[in-house]
Amino acid sequence: MAGLWRSLSLDLYPMKQPVRLVRLNLHLRADHIARLTCLATAISGRKGRDTRLAEALELALVTGLTWSDADMLELLKSDLEAPYWRTLGSVVRSR
């Protein structure tokens, strides 16, 4: 899996290329939104400016993605524990 991740990963050196922002519609749990909102508020206090929720989400993703895939998969809940993901229907991924 790590080899697959490396082949799919983007260039992790943002200073070499301009960062392109894209829009993304997400389905998130309410408690995750609340946690991201608290994180965005903390970021705002540290940076001294308004902060978008996406900036907090980016920080959470960057932090989480430093873990190995195997470690992250250990946190994965079964469909019985998290049935809300199955109710969304099929997944369409586009590039």
C-alpha atoms as a PDB file:
ATOM      1  CA  MET A   1       0.000   0.000   0.000  1.00  0.00           C
ATOM      2  CA  ALA A   2       2.838   2.408   0.733  1.00  0.00           C
ATOM      3  CA  GLY A   3       4.136   1.989  -2.820  1.00  0.00           C
ATOM      4  CA  LEU A   4       0.680   2.789  -4.175  1.00  0.00           C
ATOM      5  CA  TRP A   5       0.480   5.884  -1.972  1.00  0.00           C
ATOM      6  CA  ARG A   6       3.857   7.091  -3.231  1.00  0.00           C
ATOM      7  CA  SER A   7       2.741   6.677  -6.829  1.00  0.00           C
ATOM      8  CA  LEU A   8      -0.454   8.631  -6.136  1.00  0.00           C
ATOM      9  CA  SER A   9       1.058  11.317  -3.932  1.00  0.00           C
ATOM     10  CA  LEU A  10       1.429  14.875  -5.110  1.00  0.00           C
ATOM     11  CA  ASP A  11       4.655  16.813  -5.058  1.00  0.00           C
ATOM     12  CA  LEU A  12       5.013  17.644  -1.369  1.00  0.00           C
ATOM     13  CA  TYR A  13       7.185  20.694  -1.954  1.00  0.00           C
ATOM     14  CA  PRO A  14       4.698  23.572  -2.268  1.00  0.00           C
ATOM     15  CA  MET A  15       7.427  26.187  -2.641  1.00  0.00           C
ATOM     16  CA  LYS A  16       8.357  24.700  -6.033  1.00  0.00           C
ATOM     17  CA  GLN A  17       4.841  24.918  -7.462  1.00  0.00           C
ATOM     18  CA  PRO A  18       1.864  27.211  -6.868  1.00  0.00           C
ATOM     19  CA  VAL A  19      -0.835  25.536  -4.765  1.00  0.00           C
ATOM     20  CA  ARG A  20      -4.078  25.076  -6.641  1.00  0.00           C
ATOM     21  CA  LEU A  21      -7.262  25.133  -4.581  1.00  0.00           C
ATOM     22  CA  VAL A  22     -10.238  23.058  -5.682  1.00  0.00           C
ATOM     23  CA  ARG A  23     -13.814  22.834  -4.426  1.00  0.00           C
ATOM     24  CA  LEU A  24     -14.867  19.639  -2.710  1.00  0.00           C
ATOM     25  CA  ASN A  25     -18.255  18.656  -1.309  1.00  0.00           C
ATOM     26  CA  LEU A  26     -17.918  16.581   1.857  1.00  0.00           C
ATOM     27  CA  HIS A  27     -20.190  14.599   4.120  1.00  0.00           C
ATOM     28  CA  LEU A  28     -18.829  14.975   7.649  1.00  0.00           C
ATOM     29  CA  ARG A  29     -20.090  13.995  11.058  1.00  0.00           C
ATOM     30  CA  ALA A  30     -21.332  16.845  13.255  1.00  0.00           C
ATOM     31  CA  ASP A  31     -18.738  16.129  15.944  1.00  0.00           C
ATOM     32  CA  HIS A  32     -15.964  16.328  13.347  1.00  0.00           C
ATOM     33  CA  ILE A  33     -17.286  19.681  12.143  1.00  0.00           C
ATOM     34  CA  ALA A  34     -17.327  20.920  15.743  1.00  0.00           C
ATOM     35  CA  ARG A  35     -13.729  19.749  16.257  1.00  0.00           C
ATOM     36  CA  LEU A  36     -12.593  21.368  12.995  1.00  0.00           C
ATOM     37  CA  THR A  37     -14.367  24.594  13.995  1.00  0.00           C
ATOM     38  CA  CYS A  38     -12.462  24.646  17.300  1.00  0.00           C
ATOM     39  CA  LEU A  39      -9.228  24.006  15.411  1.00  0.00           C
ATOM     40  CA  ALA A  40     -10.025  26.807  12.932  1.00  0.00           C
ATOM     41  CA  THR A  41     -10.664  29.163  15.862  1.00  0.00           C
ATOM     42  CA  ALA A  42      -7.298  28.226  17.376  1.00  0.00           C
ATOM     43  CA  ILE A  43      -5.567  28.751  14.013  1.00  0.00           C
ATOM     44  CA  SER A  44      -7.285  32.118  13.709  1.00  0.00           C
ATOM     45  CA  GLY A  45      -5.982  33.146  17.121  1.00  0.00           C
ATOM     46  CA  ARG A  46      -2.454  32.063  16.254  1.00  0.00           C
ATOM     47  CA  LYS A  47      -2.364  33.693  12.810  1.00  0.00           C
ATOM     48  CA  GLY A  48      -4.362  36.796  13.769  1.00  0.00           C
ATOM     49  CA  ARG A  49      -6.788  36.560  10.839  1.00  0.00           C
ATOM     50  CA  ASP A  50     -10.008  34.836   9.847  1.00  0.00           C
ATOM     51  CA  THR A  51      -9.503  31.175   9.021  1.00  0.00           C
ATOM     52  CA  ARG A  52     -11.553  28.971   6.729  1.00  0.00           C
ATOM     53  CA  LEU A  53     -12.668  25.572   7.924  1.00  0.00           C
ATOM     54  CA  ALA A  54     -10.713  24.129   4.982  1.00  0.00           C
ATOM     55  CA  GLU A  55      -7.475  25.397   6.519  1.00  0.00           C
ATOM     56  CA  ALA A  56      -8.247  23.428   9.677  1.00  0.00           C
ATOM     57  CA  LEU A  57      -9.166  20.390   7.575  1.00  0.00           C
ATOM     58  CA  GLU A  58      -5.878  20.690   5.688  1.00  0.00           C
ATOM     59  CA  LEU A  59      -3.961  20.761   8.981  1.00  0.00           C
ATOM     60  CA  ALA A  60      -5.864  17.711  10.240  1.00  0.00           C
ATOM     61  CA  LEU A  61      -5.196  15.825   7.003  1.00  0.00           C
ATOM     62  CA  VAL A  62      -1.505  16.714   6.884  1.00  0.00           C
ATOM     63  CA  THR A  63      -1.126  15.670  10.511  1.00  0.00           C
ATOM     64  CA  GLY A  64      -3.062  12.429  10.024  1.00  0.00           C
ATOM     65  CA  LEU A  65      -1.389  11.531   6.766  1.00  0.00           C
ATOM     66  CA  THR A  66       2.005  11.505   8.435  1.00  0.00           C
ATOM     67  CA  TRP A  67       0.882   8.166   9.885  1.00  0.00           C
ATOM     68  CA  SER A  68       1.434   5.000   7.902  1.00  0.00           C
ATOM     69  CA  ASP A  69      -1.579   3.571   6.077  1.00  0.00           C
ATOM     70  CA  ALA A  70      -1.497   0.502   8.335  1.00  0.00           C
ATOM     71  CA  ASP A  71      -1.702   2.685  11.463  1.00  0.00           C
ATOM     72  CA  MET A  72      -4.599   4.686  10.037  1.00  0.00           C
ATOM     73  CA  LEU A  73      -6.449   1.533   9.003  1.00  0.00           C
ATOM     74  CA  GLU A  74      -6.249   0.350  12.617  1.00  0.00           C
ATOM     75  CA  LEU A  75      -8.607   3.232  13.474  1.00  0.00           C
ATOM     76  CA  LEU A  76     -11.151   2.229  10.820  1.00  0.00           C
ATOM     77  CA  LYS A  77     -14.600   1.381  12.172  1.00  0.00           C
ATOM     78  CA  SER A  78     -16.651  -1.483  10.740  1.00  0.00           C
ATOM     79  CA  ASP A  79     -19.841  -0.826   8.776  1.00  0.00           C
ATOM     80  CA  LEU A  80     -21.818  -1.974  11.813  1.00  0.00           C
ATOM     81  CA  GLU A  81     -20.142   0.679  13.978  1.00  0.00           C
ATOM     82  CA  ALA A  82     -20.419   3.399  11.338  1.00  0.00           C
ATOM     83  CA  PRO A  83     -23.470   2.579   9.163  1.00  0.00           C
ATOM     84  CA  TYR A  84     -23.905   6.159   7.951  1.00  0.00           C
ATOM     85  CA  TRP A  85     -21.224   5.744   5.263  1.00  0.00           C
ATOM     86  CA  ARG A  86     -23.147   2.954   3.519  1.00  0.00           C
ATOM     87  CA  THR A  87     -26.314   5.064   3.343  1.00  0.00           C
ATOM     88  CA  LEU A  88     -24.674   7.568   0.985  1.00  0.00           C
ATOM     89  CA  GLY A  89     -24.742   5.211  -1.991  1.00  0.00           C
ATOM     90  CA  SER A  90     -22.091   4.462  -4.572  1.00  0.00           C
ATOM     91  CA  VAL A  91     -18.856   6.422  -4.865  1.00  0.00           C
ATOM     92  CA  VAL A  92     -17.852   8.271  -8.020  1.00  0.00           C
ATOM     93  CA  ARG A  93     -14.244   9.399  -8.004  1.00  0.00           C
ATOM     94  CA  SER A  94     -12.970  11.668 -10.738  1.00  0.00           C
ATOM     95  CA  ARG A  95      -9.662  13.306 -11.281  1.00  0.00           C
END
